[in-house]
Amino acid sequence: PLAGAFELVIESEKIVRLNETSAAIPYMVKGADEDTQVRVFTAGRCAAEVRKDTIFVSNITGDREILVYADNCKGKTSIRQVKFTRERFNIYGGNNYLPYEGGQITINGISNIDFEVRISEKADWITQVETKAEEFYLTFDIAQNETAIFREGVIDFVRKGTDEVLMSWVIYQDANPNAA
């Protein structure tokens, strides 16, 4: 009871971008002293190196996990699991063709990364109405096409805070046969 708390504090999950095979993971050990040791157990071809307050992991292929443990060499240990998950962003359903009268479309997909929706400037006739969670359902209102010209608008799915386009979705709309 007189001893201070001893705990390894580390991010529990790390999402790895599709083209990356390494990661730097910050950590800290509460109640650590000069005798405290931090070690990492890896599986497969994964390799890890522990430095001052960061663990460097390389050769990450697919979804993997490592175990990190801290030992104060006085009988206390603290263990944490770190899971590496590949980025997922995929659109797997939705309509992208509407008649000239307009209507609503819903685009279905799944993502474990933050993203933004950007509608092309020329497509001011498309309005985002609703967004829901990791398995996402995005609903858009499509205005009636008042012109005799077939039109298309682009919706970009962009990594949040950047200009990196993850995927684009094109909406097509028929020309209005009643327009002059």
N, C-alpha and C. Protein backbone atom coordinates (compact mmCIF):
# COMPACT_ATOMS: atom_id res chain seq x y z
N PRO A 1 0.81 -1.22 0.00
CA PRO A 1 0.00 0.00 0.00
C PRO A 1 0.84 1.27 0.00
N LEU A 2 2.07 1.20 0.53
CA LEU A 2 2.92 2.39 0.56
C LEU A 2 3.58 2.66 -0.79
N ALA A 3 3.61 1.65 -1.65
CA ALA A 3 4.24 1.80 -2.96
C ALA A 3 3.34 2.63 -3.88
N GLY A 4 3.95 3.40 -4.76
CA GLY A 4 3.19 4.19 -5.74
C GLY A 4 2.62 3.31 -6.83
N ALA A 5 1.66 3.83 -7.56
CA ALA A 5 1.04 3.09 -8.66
C ALA A 5 2.08 2.84 -9.75
N PHE A 6 2.06 1.65 -10.30
CA PHE A 6 2.97 1.29 -11.38
C PHE A 6 2.09 0.85 -12.55
N GLU A 7 2.18 1.60 -13.65
CA GLU A 7 1.30 1.30 -14.78
C GLU A 7 1.93 1.73 -16.09
N LEU A 8 1.85 0.83 -17.07
CA LEU A 8 2.25 1.14 -18.44
C LEU A 8 1.06 1.78 -19.14
N VAL A 9 1.26 2.97 -19.66
CA VAL A 9 0.18 3.70 -20.34
C VAL A 9 0.54 3.78 -21.82
N ILE A 10 -0.37 3.25 -22.65
CA ILE A 10 -0.10 3.16 -24.08
C ILE A 10 -1.40 3.18 -24.84
N GLU A 11 -1.34 3.70 -26.05
CA GLU A 11 -2.49 3.69 -26.94
C GLU A 11 -2.89 2.23 -27.19
N SER A 12 -4.18 1.92 -27.10
CA SER A 12 -4.58 0.52 -27.20
C SER A 12 -4.68 0.01 -28.63
N GLU A 13 -4.92 0.90 -29.59
CA GLU A 13 -5.02 0.44 -30.97
C GLU A 13 -4.36 1.46 -31.88
N LYS A 14 -3.74 0.99 -32.92
CA LYS A 14 -3.06 1.86 -33.86
C LYS A 14 -3.53 1.51 -35.26
N ILE A 15 -4.07 2.48 -35.96
CA ILE A 15 -4.50 2.25 -37.34
C ILE A 15 -3.33 2.58 -38.26
N VAL A 16 -3.01 1.64 -39.12
CA VAL A 16 -1.87 1.79 -40.01
C VAL A 16 -2.39 2.08 -41.41
N ARG A 17 -1.87 3.13 -42.03
CA ARG A 17 -2.27 3.47 -43.38
C ARG A 17 -1.89 2.35 -44.33
N LEU A 18 -2.65 2.24 -45.40
CA LEU A 18 -2.48 1.12 -46.33
C LEU A 18 -1.07 0.95 -46.85
N ASN A 19 -0.36 2.05 -47.10
CA ASN A 19 0.97 1.95 -47.69
C ASN A 19 2.09 1.94 -46.65
N GLU A 20 1.74 1.92 -45.36
CA GLU A 20 2.76 1.95 -44.31
C GLU A 20 2.99 0.56 -43.73
N THR A 21 4.22 0.31 -43.32
CA THR A 21 4.54 -0.97 -42.68
C THR A 21 5.23 -0.76 -41.34
N SER A 22 5.26 0.49 -40.87
CA SER A 22 5.90 0.76 -39.58
C SER A 22 5.08 1.79 -38.81
N ALA A 23 5.34 1.85 -37.50
CA ALA A 23 4.61 2.80 -36.65
C ALA A 23 5.47 3.17 -35.45
N ALA A 24 5.27 4.39 -34.97
CA ALA A 24 5.91 4.85 -33.74
C ALA A 24 4.82 5.01 -32.69
N ILE A 25 5.00 4.37 -31.55
CA ILE A 25 3.97 4.35 -30.52
C ILE A 25 4.53 4.97 -29.25
N PRO A 26 4.00 6.13 -28.88
CA PRO A 26 4.45 6.74 -27.62
C PRO A 26 3.90 5.96 -26.42
N TYR A 27 4.67 5.94 -25.35
CA TYR A 27 4.23 5.28 -24.12
C TYR A 27 4.82 6.01 -22.93
N MET A 28 4.28 5.71 -21.75
CA MET A 28 4.88 6.18 -20.51
C MET A 28 4.61 5.14 -19.42
N VAL A 29 5.44 5.13 -18.41
CA VAL A 29 5.26 4.21 -17.30
C VAL A 29 5.11 5.04 -16.03
N LYS A 30 3.92 4.98 -15.46
CA LYS A 30 3.68 5.68 -14.19
C LYS A 30 4.38 4.92 -13.07
N GLY A 31 5.05 5.64 -12.20
CA GLY A 31 5.75 5.02 -11.08
C GLY A 31 7.05 4.36 -11.47
N ALA A 32 7.61 4.72 -12.63
CA ALA A 32 8.86 4.12 -13.10
C ALA A 32 10.05 4.72 -12.36
N ASP A 33 11.12 3.93 -12.27
CA ASP A 33 12.39 4.44 -11.76
C ASP A 33 13.51 3.97 -12.68
N GLU A 34 14.75 4.17 -12.27
CA GLU A 34 15.88 3.83 -13.15
C GLU A 34 16.02 2.33 -13.42
N ASP A 35 15.40 1.49 -12.62
CA ASP A 35 15.46 0.04 -12.82
C ASP A 35 14.37 -0.48 -13.76
N THR A 36 13.38 0.34 -14.08
CA THR A 36 12.25 -0.11 -14.88
C THR A 36 12.70 -0.47 -16.30
N GLN A 37 12.20 -1.61 -16.77
CA GLN A 37 12.50 -2.08 -18.11
C GLN A 37 11.21 -2.21 -18.90
N VAL A 38 11.26 -1.83 -20.16
CA VAL A 38 10.12 -1.99 -21.06
C VAL A 38 10.56 -2.90 -22.20
N ARG A 39 9.75 -3.93 -22.45
CA ARG A 39 10.07 -4.88 -23.51
C ARG A 39 8.84 -5.12 -24.36
N VAL A 40 9.08 -5.65 -25.57
CA VAL A 40 7.99 -5.89 -26.52
C VAL A 40 8.08 -7.31 -27.05
N PHE A 41 6.91 -7.99 -27.09
CA PHE A 41 6.81 -9.30 -27.73
C PHE A 41 6.09 -9.10 -29.05
N THR A 42 6.70 -9.58 -30.13
CA THR A 42 6.11 -9.46 -31.46
C THR A 42 5.84 -10.84 -32.02
N ALA A 43 5.05 -10.89 -33.08
CA ALA A 43 4.75 -12.16 -33.75
C ALA A 43 5.07 -12.01 -35.23
N GLY A 44 5.33 -13.13 -35.88
CA GLY A 44 5.62 -13.10 -37.30
C GLY A 44 6.89 -12.34 -37.59
N ARG A 45 6.87 -11.58 -38.68
CA ARG A 45 8.05 -10.82 -39.09
C ARG A 45 8.14 -9.45 -38.43
N CYS A 46 7.14 -9.10 -37.62
CA CYS A 46 7.14 -7.81 -36.93
C CYS A 46 8.39 -7.68 -36.08
N ALA A 47 8.96 -6.50 -36.04
CA ALA A 47 10.12 -6.22 -35.19
C ALA A 47 9.84 -4.94 -34.42
N ALA A 48 10.37 -4.85 -33.21
CA ALA A 48 10.14 -3.67 -32.39
C ALA A 48 11.41 -3.26 -31.67
N GLU A 49 11.56 -1.95 -31.50
CA GLU A 49 12.69 -1.40 -30.77
C GLU A 49 12.14 -0.37 -29.78
N VAL A 50 12.56 -0.51 -28.52
CA VAL A 50 12.10 0.40 -27.47
C VAL A 50 13.16 1.47 -27.27
N ARG A 51 12.74 2.72 -27.38
CA ARG A 51 13.61 3.85 -27.07
C ARG A 51 12.96 4.65 -25.96
N LYS A 52 13.60 5.65 -25.49
CA LYS A 52 13.19 6.47 -24.33
C LYS A 52 11.68 6.44 -24.02
N ASP A 53 10.84 6.99 -24.86
CA ASP A 53 9.39 7.04 -24.59
C ASP A 53 8.58 6.65 -25.82
N THR A 54 9.22 5.92 -26.74
CA THR A 54 8.55 5.52 -27.98
C THR A 54 8.98 4.10 -28.35
N ILE A 55 8.00 3.35 -28.87
CA ILE A 55 8.28 2.01 -29.40
C ILE A 55 8.18 2.11 -30.92
N PHE A 56 9.22 1.67 -31.61
CA PHE A 56 9.23 1.69 -33.07
C PHE A 56 9.00 0.28 -33.57
N VAL A 57 7.92 0.09 -34.33
CA VAL A 57 7.55 -1.22 -34.83
C VAL A 57 7.68 -1.21 -36.35
N SER A 58 8.27 -2.27 -36.90
CA SER A 58 8.44 -2.36 -38.35
C SER A 58 7.94 -3.71 -38.85
N ASN A 59 7.85 -3.83 -40.17
CA ASN A 59 7.38 -5.05 -40.84
C ASN A 59 5.95 -5.42 -40.45
N ILE A 60 5.10 -4.43 -40.32
CA ILE A 60 3.70 -4.69 -40.01
C ILE A 60 3.01 -5.08 -41.30
N THR A 61 2.50 -6.29 -41.34
CA THR A 61 1.77 -6.77 -42.51
C THR A 61 0.41 -7.24 -42.05
N GLY A 62 -0.62 -6.72 -42.63
CA GLY A 62 -1.97 -7.10 -42.24
C GLY A 62 -2.29 -6.65 -40.84
N ASP A 63 -3.35 -7.21 -40.27
CA ASP A 63 -3.72 -6.91 -38.90
C ASP A 63 -2.83 -7.72 -37.98
N ARG A 64 -2.14 -7.03 -37.08
CA ARG A 64 -1.19 -7.66 -36.16
C ARG A 64 -1.39 -7.11 -34.77
N GLU A 65 -0.71 -7.73 -33.81
CA GLU A 65 -0.70 -7.21 -32.45
C GLU A 65 0.65 -7.47 -31.83
N ILE A 66 0.98 -6.64 -30.85
CA ILE A 66 2.19 -6.83 -30.06
C ILE A 66 1.80 -6.72 -28.59
N LEU A 67 2.62 -7.30 -27.73
CA LEU A 67 2.46 -7.14 -26.30
C LEU A 67 3.63 -6.32 -25.77
N VAL A 68 3.31 -5.30 -24.99
CA VAL A 68 4.33 -4.45 -24.40
C VAL A 68 4.23 -4.61 -22.90
N TYR A 69 5.36 -4.84 -22.24
CA TYR A 69 5.29 -4.95 -20.79
C TYR A 69 6.38 -4.11 -20.14
N ALA A 70 6.01 -3.61 -18.97
CA ALA A 70 6.96 -2.85 -18.15
C ALA A 70 7.18 -3.63 -16.87
N ASP A 71 8.41 -3.72 -16.43
CA ASP A 71 8.79 -4.45 -15.22
C ASP A 71 9.64 -3.51 -14.37
N ASN A 72 9.24 -3.32 -13.11
CA ASN A 72 10.03 -2.42 -12.26
C ASN A 72 11.17 -3.16 -11.56
N CYS A 73 11.34 -4.46 -11.85
CA CYS A 73 12.39 -5.30 -11.27
C CYS A 73 12.27 -5.41 -9.74
N LYS A 74 11.08 -5.11 -9.23
CA LYS A 74 10.83 -5.20 -7.79
C LYS A 74 9.51 -5.95 -7.54
N GLY A 75 9.07 -6.71 -8.57
CA GLY A 75 7.87 -7.51 -8.40
C GLY A 75 6.61 -6.96 -9.04
N LYS A 76 6.68 -5.81 -9.70
CA LYS A 76 5.49 -5.26 -10.34
C LYS A 76 5.70 -5.23 -11.86
N THR A 77 4.66 -5.66 -12.57
CA THR A 77 4.67 -5.59 -14.03
C THR A 77 3.34 -5.01 -14.50
N SER A 78 3.37 -4.46 -15.69
CA SER A 78 2.16 -3.94 -16.32
C SER A 78 2.27 -4.29 -17.80
N ILE A 79 1.20 -4.91 -18.33
CA ILE A 79 1.23 -5.39 -19.72
C ILE A 79 0.10 -4.73 -20.50
N ARG A 80 0.39 -4.33 -21.74
CA ARG A 80 -0.62 -3.76 -22.63
C ARG A 80 -0.49 -4.42 -24.00
N GLN A 81 -1.63 -4.58 -24.63
CA GLN A 81 -1.69 -5.12 -25.99
C GLN A 81 -1.91 -3.94 -26.95
N VAL A 82 -1.19 -3.94 -28.04
CA VAL A 82 -1.39 -2.94 -29.09
C VAL A 82 -1.78 -3.67 -30.35
N LYS A 83 -2.93 -3.32 -30.90
CA LYS A 83 -3.41 -3.94 -32.14
C LYS A 83 -3.16 -2.98 -33.29
N PHE A 84 -2.63 -3.53 -34.36
CA PHE A 84 -2.44 -2.75 -35.58
C PHE A 84 -3.54 -3.17 -36.55
N THR A 85 -4.28 -2.21 -37.03
CA THR A 85 -5.38 -2.47 -37.94
C THR A 85 -5.16 -1.68 -39.21
N ARG A 86 -5.27 -2.32 -40.33
CA ARG A 86 -5.15 -1.64 -41.61
C ARG A 86 -6.32 -0.70 -41.80
N GLU A 87 -6.08 0.41 -42.46
CA GLU A 87 -7.15 1.34 -42.79
C GLU A 87 -8.20 0.64 -43.63
N ARG A 88 -9.44 1.00 -43.36
CA ARG A 88 -10.53 0.49 -44.18
C ARG A 88 -11.37 1.68 -44.62
N PHE A 89 -11.54 1.79 -45.91
CA PHE A 89 -12.47 2.76 -46.47
C PHE A 89 -13.00 2.15 -47.75
N ASN A 90 -14.28 1.86 -47.76
CA ASN A 90 -14.85 1.22 -48.93
C ASN A 90 -16.31 1.61 -49.07
N ILE A 91 -16.70 1.92 -50.27
CA ILE A 91 -18.10 2.14 -50.58
C ILE A 91 -18.61 0.86 -51.21
N TYR A 92 -19.67 0.30 -50.64
CA TYR A 92 -20.15 -0.97 -51.16
C TYR A 92 -21.58 -0.92 -51.64
N GLY A 93 -22.16 0.23 -51.67
CA GLY A 93 -23.52 0.29 -52.19
C GLY A 93 -24.01 1.70 -52.31
N GLY A 94 -25.00 1.87 -53.13
CA GLY A 94 -25.58 3.18 -53.31
C GLY A 94 -25.92 3.40 -54.76
N ASN A 95 -26.91 4.22 -54.99
CA ASN A 95 -27.33 4.55 -56.34
C ASN A 95 -26.58 5.80 -56.78
N ASN A 96 -26.25 5.87 -58.02
CA ASN A 96 -25.59 7.09 -58.50
C ASN A 96 -26.23 7.61 -59.78
N TYR A 97 -27.46 7.15 -60.08
CA TYR A 97 -28.13 7.62 -61.28
C TYR A 97 -29.56 7.99 -60.91
N LEU A 98 -29.94 9.22 -61.23
CA LEU A 98 -31.28 9.69 -60.90
C LEU A 98 -31.98 10.27 -62.12
N PRO A 99 -33.30 10.20 -62.13
CA PRO A 99 -34.05 10.85 -63.20
C PRO A 99 -34.00 12.37 -63.01
N TYR A 100 -34.47 13.11 -64.00
CA TYR A 100 -34.38 14.57 -63.94
C TYR A 100 -35.15 15.16 -62.77
N GLU A 101 -36.17 14.43 -62.25
CA GLU A 101 -36.97 14.96 -61.15
C GLU A 101 -36.19 15.07 -59.84
N GLY A 102 -35.06 14.41 -59.77
CA GLY A 102 -34.25 14.44 -58.55
C GLY A 102 -34.70 13.40 -57.55
N GLY A 103 -34.40 13.59 -56.29
CA GLY A 103 -34.76 12.65 -55.24
C GLY A 103 -33.63 12.51 -54.25
N GLN A 104 -33.60 11.39 -53.55
CA GLN A 104 -32.54 11.14 -52.58
C GLN A 104 -31.75 9.91 -52.97
N ILE A 105 -30.47 9.94 -52.62
CA ILE A 105 -29.63 8.76 -52.76
C ILE A 105 -28.95 8.51 -51.42
N THR A 106 -28.65 7.26 -51.16
CA THR A 106 -27.88 6.90 -49.97
C THR A 106 -26.68 6.10 -50.43
N ILE A 107 -25.52 6.50 -49.96
CA ILE A 107 -24.27 5.80 -50.27
C ILE A 107 -23.86 5.04 -49.02
N ASN A 108 -23.65 3.74 -49.15
CA ASN A 108 -23.27 2.89 -48.02
C ASN A 108 -21.80 2.55 -48.11
N GLY A 109 -21.16 2.47 -46.96
CA GLY A 109 -19.75 2.10 -46.94
C GLY A 109 -19.30 1.77 -45.54
N ILE A 110 -18.00 1.54 -45.42
CA ILE A 110 -17.41 1.26 -44.11
C ILE A 110 -16.06 1.96 -44.04
N SER A 111 -15.76 2.51 -42.86
CA SER A 111 -14.50 3.23 -42.69
C SER A 111 -14.08 3.18 -41.23
N ASN A 112 -12.78 3.05 -40.99
CA ASN A 112 -12.27 3.18 -39.64
C ASN A 112 -11.35 4.40 -39.54
N ILE A 113 -11.46 5.29 -40.51
CA ILE A 113 -10.69 6.54 -40.48
C ILE A 113 -11.64 7.72 -40.61
N ASP A 114 -11.24 8.85 -40.10
CA ASP A 114 -12.04 10.06 -40.21
C ASP A 114 -11.96 10.59 -41.63
N PHE A 115 -13.11 10.96 -42.19
CA PHE A 115 -13.13 11.51 -43.53
C PHE A 115 -14.16 12.62 -43.61
N GLU A 116 -14.03 13.43 -44.64
CA GLU A 116 -14.96 14.51 -44.93
C GLU A 116 -15.57 14.24 -46.30
N VAL A 117 -16.73 14.81 -46.52
CA VAL A 117 -17.38 14.72 -47.83
C VAL A 117 -17.27 16.09 -48.48
N ARG A 118 -16.78 16.13 -49.70
CA ARG A 118 -16.69 17.38 -50.46
C ARG A 118 -17.41 17.19 -51.78
N ILE A 119 -18.39 18.04 -52.01
CA ILE A 119 -19.17 17.98 -53.24
C ILE A 119 -18.59 19.01 -54.20
N SER A 120 -18.39 18.62 -55.45
CA SER A 120 -17.77 19.53 -56.42
C SER A 120 -18.57 20.82 -56.53
N GLU A 121 -17.86 21.92 -56.76
CA GLU A 121 -18.49 23.24 -56.84
C GLU A 121 -19.56 23.31 -57.91
N LYS A 122 -19.37 22.61 -59.01
CA LYS A 122 -20.33 22.63 -60.11
C LYS A 122 -21.61 21.86 -59.77
N ALA A 123 -21.57 21.10 -58.68
CA ALA A 123 -22.73 20.27 -58.33
C ALA A 123 -23.48 20.86 -57.13
N ASP A 124 -23.83 22.14 -57.24
CA ASP A 124 -24.57 22.79 -56.15
C ASP A 124 -25.99 22.27 -56.02
N TRP A 125 -26.38 21.39 -56.90
CA TRP A 125 -27.69 20.76 -56.87
C TRP A 125 -27.71 19.49 -56.02
N ILE A 126 -26.53 19.14 -55.44
CA ILE A 126 -26.43 18.01 -54.52
C ILE A 126 -26.22 18.56 -53.12
N THR A 127 -27.01 18.07 -52.16
CA THR A 127 -26.92 18.52 -50.78
C THR A 127 -26.82 17.31 -49.85
N GLN A 128 -25.79 17.29 -49.00
CA GLN A 128 -25.67 16.19 -48.04
C GLN A 128 -26.68 16.41 -46.92
N VAL A 129 -27.42 15.35 -46.59
CA VAL A 129 -28.48 15.45 -45.59
C VAL A 129 -28.10 14.77 -44.29
N GLU A 130 -27.47 13.59 -44.38
CA GLU A 130 -27.24 12.79 -43.18
C GLU A 130 -25.99 11.94 -43.30
N THR A 131 -25.34 11.71 -42.15
CA THR A 131 -24.18 10.83 -42.06
C THR A 131 -24.32 10.00 -40.80
N LYS A 132 -23.95 8.73 -40.87
CA LYS A 132 -23.99 7.87 -39.68
C LYS A 132 -22.73 7.02 -39.58
N ALA A 133 -22.02 7.05 -38.50
CA ALA A 133 -21.01 6.17 -37.94
C ALA A 133 -20.01 5.45 -38.85
N GLU A 134 -19.27 4.45 -38.23
CA GLU A 134 -18.19 3.73 -38.93
C GLU A 134 -18.73 2.98 -40.14
N GLU A 135 -19.81 2.27 -39.97
CA GLU A 135 -20.47 1.69 -41.13
C GLU A 135 -21.42 2.78 -41.57
N PHE A 136 -21.03 3.52 -42.57
CA PHE A 136 -21.72 4.77 -42.84
C PHE A 136 -22.82 4.68 -43.88
N TYR A 137 -23.77 5.56 -43.70
CA TYR A 137 -24.89 5.76 -44.62
C TYR A 137 -24.98 7.25 -44.85
N LEU A 138 -24.62 7.69 -46.02
CA LEU A 138 -24.66 9.11 -46.35
C LEU A 138 -25.85 9.36 -47.25
N THR A 139 -26.69 10.29 -46.87
CA THR A 139 -27.87 10.59 -47.66
C THR A 139 -27.72 11.96 -48.29
N PHE A 140 -28.08 12.05 -49.57
CA PHE A 140 -27.97 13.30 -50.31
C PHE A 140 -29.29 13.60 -51.00
N ASP A 141 -29.70 14.86 -50.96
CA ASP A 141 -30.85 15.32 -51.73
C ASP A 141 -30.35 15.76 -53.09
N ILE A 142 -31.04 15.35 -54.13
CA ILE A 142 -30.68 15.74 -55.49
C ILE A 142 -31.82 16.60 -56.02
N ALA A 143 -31.51 17.84 -56.36
CA ALA A 143 -32.52 18.77 -56.87
C ALA A 143 -32.95 18.36 -58.28
N GLN A 144 -34.12 18.78 -58.65
CA GLN A 144 -34.62 18.51 -60.00
C GLN A 144 -33.73 19.22 -61.02
N ASN A 145 -33.48 18.55 -62.13
CA ASN A 145 -32.71 19.15 -63.21
C ASN A 145 -33.66 19.98 -64.06
N GLU A 146 -33.49 21.27 -64.04
CA GLU A 146 -34.38 22.18 -64.77
C GLU A 146 -33.89 22.43 -66.20
N THR A 147 -32.76 21.82 -66.55
CA THR A 147 -32.17 22.08 -67.86
C THR A 147 -32.35 20.89 -68.80
N ALA A 148 -32.11 21.12 -70.06
CA ALA A 148 -32.20 20.06 -71.07
C ALA A 148 -30.85 19.37 -71.24
N ILE A 149 -29.96 19.54 -70.26
CA ILE A 149 -28.60 19.00 -70.34
C ILE A 149 -28.40 17.92 -69.27
N PHE A 150 -27.95 16.74 -69.71
CA PHE A 150 -27.56 15.67 -68.79
C PHE A 150 -26.44 16.22 -67.92
N ARG A 151 -26.45 15.92 -66.62
CA ARG A 151 -25.40 16.46 -65.76
C ARG A 151 -24.84 15.41 -64.83
N GLU A 152 -23.63 15.74 -64.34
CA GLU A 152 -22.98 14.87 -63.37
C GLU A 152 -22.30 15.72 -62.31
N GLY A 153 -22.23 15.19 -61.11
CA GLY A 153 -21.57 15.86 -59.99
C GLY A 153 -20.70 14.87 -59.26
N VAL A 154 -19.58 15.35 -58.73
CA VAL A 154 -18.62 14.48 -58.06
C VAL A 154 -18.65 14.73 -56.57
N ILE A 155 -18.70 13.64 -55.81
CA ILE A 155 -18.59 13.69 -54.36
C ILE A 155 -17.27 13.03 -54.01
N ASP A 156 -16.38 13.78 -53.38
CA ASP A 156 -15.08 13.24 -52.96
C ASP A 156 -15.13 12.89 -51.48
N PHE A 157 -14.56 11.76 -51.12
CA PHE A 157 -14.38 11.36 -49.75
C PHE A 157 -12.92 11.62 -49.43
N VAL A 158 -12.66 12.57 -48.53
CA VAL A 158 -11.33 13.11 -48.30
C VAL A 158 -10.90 12.81 -46.87
N ARG A 159 -9.64 12.37 -46.70
CA ARG A 159 -9.10 12.16 -45.35
C ARG A 159 -9.23 13.47 -44.59
N LYS A 160 -9.85 13.39 -43.42
CA LYS A 160 -10.14 14.59 -42.63
C LYS A 160 -8.88 15.40 -42.37
N GLY A 161 -8.99 16.70 -42.58
CA GLY A 161 -7.89 17.61 -42.33
C GLY A 161 -6.84 17.66 -43.42
N THR A 162 -7.07 16.94 -44.54
CA THR A 162 -6.11 16.93 -45.64
C THR A 162 -6.86 17.13 -46.96
N ASP A 163 -6.12 17.06 -48.06
CA ASP A 163 -6.73 17.08 -49.39
C ASP A 163 -6.61 15.71 -50.06
N GLU A 164 -6.24 14.68 -49.30
CA GLU A 164 -6.07 13.34 -49.86
C GLU A 164 -7.44 12.71 -50.14
N VAL A 165 -7.73 12.49 -51.41
CA VAL A 165 -9.01 11.89 -51.81
C VAL A 165 -8.90 10.38 -51.65
N LEU A 166 -9.77 9.83 -50.78
CA LEU A 166 -9.80 8.39 -50.55
C LEU A 166 -10.57 7.67 -51.65
N MET A 167 -11.66 8.30 -52.11
CA MET A 167 -12.51 7.72 -53.13
C MET A 167 -13.43 8.82 -53.65
N SER A 168 -13.87 8.68 -54.89
CA SER A 168 -14.82 9.63 -55.48
C SER A 168 -16.06 8.87 -55.91
N TRP A 169 -17.19 9.55 -55.87
CA TRP A 169 -18.47 8.97 -56.28
C TRP A 169 -19.11 9.97 -57.22
N VAL A 170 -19.52 9.52 -58.40
CA VAL A 170 -20.11 10.42 -59.39
C VAL A 170 -21.62 10.21 -59.41
N ILE A 171 -22.37 11.31 -59.37
CA ILE A 171 -23.83 11.28 -59.46
C ILE A 171 -24.20 11.74 -60.87
N TYR A 172 -25.02 10.96 -61.55
CA TYR A 172 -25.48 11.29 -62.89
C TYR A 172 -26.98 11.60 -62.82
N GLN A 173 -27.38 12.61 -63.59
CA GLN A 173 -28.80 12.94 -63.62
C GLN A 173 -29.24 13.25 -65.06
N ASP A 174 -30.40 12.67 -65.41
CA ASP A 174 -30.97 12.87 -66.74
C ASP A 174 -31.30 14.32 -66.99
N ALA A 175 -31.30 14.67 -68.27
CA ALA A 175 -31.77 16.00 -68.71
C ALA A 175 -33.28 16.04 -68.55
N ASN A 176 -33.82 17.22 -68.39
CA ASN A 176 -35.26 17.41 -68.26
C ASN A 176 -35.86 17.46 -69.67
N PRO A 177 -36.69 16.51 -70.06
CA PRO A 177 -37.23 16.51 -71.42
C PRO A 177 -38.23 17.64 -71.65
N ASN A 178 -38.69 18.29 -70.58
CA ASN A 178 -39.66 19.38 -70.68
C ASN A 178 -38.99 20.75 -70.73
N ALA A 179 -37.67 20.79 -70.57
CA ALA A 179 -36.96 22.08 -70.57
C ALA A 179 -36.80 22.57 -72.00
N ALA A 180 -36.82 23.87 -72.14
CA ALA A 180 -36.71 24.47 -73.47
C ALA A 180 -35.29 24.53 -73.94
